[in-house]
N, C-alpha and C. Protein backbone atom coordinates (compact mmCIF):
# COMPACT_ATOMS: atom_id res chain seq x y z
N UNK A 1 -144.09 -91.40 20.12
CA UNK A 1 -144.60 -91.79 21.35
C UNK A 1 -144.61 -91.31 22.69
N UNK A 2 -144.44 -90.38 23.21
CA UNK A 2 -144.65 -89.39 24.11
C UNK A 2 -146.38 -89.30 23.60
N UNK A 3 -146.03 -88.02 22.62
CA UNK A 3 -147.77 -88.07 22.52
C UNK A 3 -149.09 -89.21 22.38
N UNK A 4 -148.94 -90.93 21.91
CA UNK A 4 -149.52 -91.36 21.98
C UNK A 4 -149.70 -91.41 23.69
N UNK A 5 -149.09 -91.87 24.12
CA UNK A 5 -148.47 -92.16 25.60
C UNK A 5 -150.11 -90.97 26.14
N UNK A 6 -149.19 -89.27 26.19
CA UNK A 6 -149.91 -88.61 26.71
C UNK A 6 -151.84 -89.17 26.49
N UNK A 7 -152.14 -88.46 25.42
CA UNK A 7 -153.72 -89.74 24.53
C UNK A 7 -154.14 -90.51 25.76
N UNK A 8 -153.63 -91.93 25.82
CA UNK A 8 -154.23 -93.09 26.60
C UNK A 8 -154.22 -92.53 27.89
N UNK A 9 -152.81 -92.05 28.43
CA UNK A 9 -153.67 -91.55 30.16
C UNK A 9 -154.26 -90.85 30.38
N UNK A 10 -154.21 -89.89 29.35
CA UNK A 10 -155.59 -89.17 29.36
C UNK A 10 -156.40 -88.95 29.08
N UNK A 11 -157.14 -90.13 28.26
CA UNK A 11 -159.28 -90.26 28.43
C UNK A 11 -158.65 -91.37 29.71
N UNK A 12 -157.19 -92.17 29.82
CA UNK A 12 -157.51 -92.39 31.07
C UNK A 12 -157.79 -92.19 32.49
N UNK A 13 -157.39 -91.30 32.40
CA UNK A 13 -157.18 -90.13 34.30
C UNK A 13 -157.93 -89.51 34.76
N UNK A 14 -158.27 -88.77 33.07
CA UNK A 14 -158.65 -87.11 32.70
C UNK A 14 -158.53 -86.48 33.29
N UNK A 15 -157.27 -86.38 33.81
CA UNK A 15 -156.50 -84.64 33.75
C UNK A 15 -154.94 -86.09 34.50
N UNK A 16 -153.87 -84.50 33.92
CA UNK A 16 -152.48 -84.61 34.24
C UNK A 16 -151.54 -83.32 34.33
N UNK A 17 -150.41 -84.19 34.43
CA UNK A 17 -150.05 -82.50 34.56
C UNK A 17 -148.37 -83.18 33.94
N UNK A 18 -148.45 -82.60 33.01
CA UNK A 18 -146.75 -83.30 32.40
C UNK A 18 -145.57 -81.96 32.76
N UNK A 19 -144.51 -81.92 32.38
CA UNK A 19 -143.42 -81.00 33.27
C UNK A 19 -142.49 -81.43 31.49
N UNK A 20 -141.45 -79.74 30.62
CA UNK A 20 -141.38 -80.09 29.82
C UNK A 20 -139.97 -80.03 30.28
N UNK A 21 -139.22 -79.98 29.22
CA UNK A 21 -137.13 -80.35 28.85
C UNK A 21 -137.26 -78.51 29.61
N UNK A 22 -137.93 -77.56 29.22
CA UNK A 22 -137.18 -76.19 29.87
C UNK A 22 -137.97 -76.17 31.80
N UNK A 23 -138.66 -77.13 31.66
CA UNK A 23 -138.53 -77.14 33.20
C UNK A 23 -140.05 -76.76 33.23
N UNK A 24 -140.68 -76.34 33.16
CA UNK A 24 -142.21 -75.70 32.57
C UNK A 24 -143.34 -76.77 32.81
N UNK A 25 -144.22 -76.59 33.77
CA UNK A 25 -145.57 -77.71 32.88
C UNK A 25 -146.72 -76.37 33.28
N UNK A 26 -147.46 -78.14 33.00
CA UNK A 26 -148.71 -77.60 32.61
C UNK A 26 -149.63 -78.89 33.08
N UNK A 27 -150.82 -78.56 33.02
CA UNK A 27 -151.33 -79.43 33.55
C UNK A 27 -152.57 -79.17 32.25
N UNK A 28 -153.48 -80.32 31.74
CA UNK A 28 -153.58 -80.80 30.93
C UNK A 28 -155.76 -81.62 31.52
N UNK A 29 -156.60 -81.51 30.98
CA UNK A 29 -157.98 -82.37 31.70
C UNK A 29 -159.27 -82.18 29.96
N UNK A 30 -158.78 -84.03 29.69
CA UNK A 30 -160.04 -83.72 29.58
C UNK A 30 -161.00 -82.95 28.39
N UNK A 31 -162.11 -82.59 29.08
CA UNK A 31 -162.47 -82.30 28.26
C UNK A 31 -162.08 -80.25 27.89
N UNK A 32 -161.05 -80.10 28.43
CA UNK A 32 -160.85 -78.92 26.90
C UNK A 32 -158.91 -78.96 26.01
N UNK A 33 -158.48 -80.61 26.30
CA UNK A 33 -157.21 -80.84 25.38
C UNK A 33 -158.30 -81.64 24.26
N UNK A 34 -157.02 -81.24 22.97
CA UNK A 34 -157.14 -81.80 21.72
C UNK A 34 -156.08 -81.59 21.21
N UNK A 35 -155.75 -83.97 21.83
CA UNK A 35 -154.87 -83.83 20.84
C UNK A 35 -155.01 -83.46 18.44
N UNK A 36 -154.61 -82.76 18.61
CA UNK A 36 -154.81 -81.98 17.16
C UNK A 36 -154.55 -82.65 16.47
N UNK A 37 -152.76 -82.95 16.23
CA UNK A 37 -151.77 -83.74 15.12
C UNK A 37 -150.63 -84.21 15.88
N UNK A 38 -150.12 -85.50 15.93
CA UNK A 38 -148.85 -85.44 16.11
C UNK A 38 -147.60 -84.56 15.30
N UNK A 39 -147.23 -84.31 16.73
CA UNK A 39 -147.18 -84.18 18.32
C UNK A 39 -147.70 -83.15 18.57
N UNK A 40 -149.01 -81.70 18.12
CA UNK A 40 -149.22 -80.95 19.19
C UNK A 40 -150.41 -81.65 19.49
N UNK A 41 -150.91 -80.35 21.34
CA UNK A 41 -152.07 -80.93 21.53
C UNK A 41 -152.71 -79.30 22.14
N UNK A 42 -152.88 -79.27 21.83
CA UNK A 42 -153.65 -77.61 22.04
C UNK A 42 -155.09 -78.02 23.63
N UNK A 43 -154.49 -77.04 23.86
CA UNK A 43 -155.91 -76.67 24.97
C UNK A 43 -156.45 -75.46 25.68
N UNK A 44 -157.66 -75.48 25.17
CA UNK A 44 -158.69 -74.92 25.35
C UNK A 44 -158.77 -73.66 26.78
N UNK A 45 -158.31 -73.61 27.13
CA UNK A 45 -158.11 -72.52 28.72
C UNK A 45 -159.64 -71.94 28.58
N UNK A 46 -159.73 -70.76 29.66
CA UNK A 46 -160.89 -70.25 29.65
C UNK A 46 -161.25 -69.31 28.79
N UNK A 47 -159.78 -67.96 29.09
CA UNK A 47 -159.19 -66.85 28.00
C UNK A 47 -158.52 -66.85 26.99
N UNK A 48 -157.26 -68.03 27.02
CA UNK A 48 -156.56 -68.31 25.68
C UNK A 48 -156.52 -70.06 25.97
N UNK A 49 -156.41 -69.78 24.46
CA UNK A 49 -155.46 -71.50 23.77
C UNK A 49 -153.96 -71.47 23.98
N UNK A 50 -153.81 -72.37 23.93
CA UNK A 50 -152.38 -73.19 24.30
C UNK A 50 -152.08 -73.97 23.15
N UNK A 51 -150.43 -73.95 22.88
CA UNK A 51 -150.99 -74.78 22.30
C UNK A 51 -149.32 -75.57 22.37
N UNK A 52 -149.02 -77.61 22.95
CA UNK A 52 -147.90 -77.47 23.22
C UNK A 52 -147.25 -78.35 21.99
N UNK A 53 -145.81 -78.79 22.53
CA UNK A 53 -145.64 -80.64 21.53
C UNK A 53 -145.38 -81.21 22.80
N UNK A 54 -146.45 -82.41 21.87
CA UNK A 54 -145.30 -83.78 22.84
C UNK A 54 -144.40 -84.45 23.08
N UNK A 55 -143.01 -83.29 21.78
CA UNK A 55 -141.86 -84.04 21.28
C UNK A 55 -140.66 -83.26 23.07
N UNK A 56 -141.42 -82.52 23.13
CA UNK A 56 -140.66 -80.99 23.97
C UNK A 56 -141.03 -82.07 25.88
N UNK A 57 -142.26 -82.98 26.02
CA UNK A 57 -142.71 -83.41 27.28
C UNK A 57 -141.44 -84.34 27.93
N UNK A 58 -140.87 -83.95 28.95
CA UNK A 58 -140.28 -84.88 29.74
C UNK A 58 -140.25 -86.21 29.89
N UNK A 59 -141.45 -85.45 31.04
CA UNK A 59 -142.84 -86.48 32.20
C UNK A 59 -143.15 -86.24 32.03
N UNK A 60 -144.14 -87.21 32.85
CA UNK A 60 -145.96 -86.57 32.61
C UNK A 60 -146.18 -86.95 34.31
N UNK A 61 -147.58 -86.78 35.36
CA UNK A 61 -147.17 -87.82 36.35
C UNK A 61 -148.34 -87.20 37.07
N UNK A 62 -149.71 -87.91 37.66
CA UNK A 62 -151.11 -87.64 38.43
C UNK A 62 -150.63 -87.79 39.10
N UNK A 63 -151.36 -85.92 38.77
CA UNK A 63 -151.63 -86.08 41.21
C UNK A 63 -152.90 -85.76 41.34
N UNK A 64 -152.68 -86.12 42.73
CA UNK A 64 -154.12 -86.51 43.60
C UNK A 64 -154.27 -85.77 45.07
N UNK A 65 -155.27 -85.57 45.61
CA UNK A 65 -155.05 -84.94 47.18
C UNK A 65 -155.67 -85.49 47.56
N UNK A 66 -155.25 -85.50 48.83
CA UNK A 66 -155.63 -87.06 49.42
C UNK A 66 -156.23 -86.08 51.05
């Protein structure tokens, strides 16, 4: 369920922050995030690839700068 919500929100907003149950956070951007196979999300950063499990995401939010 979180996998689908993250995918839809990212396509709608273009970027988002996710917070894991461990307390760690990560930022997702539409241009470098791939929803591979549920529940896995692949983020191709400049110099490394990160794999995230959507089932470990506690919450997500959109941050805006004013």
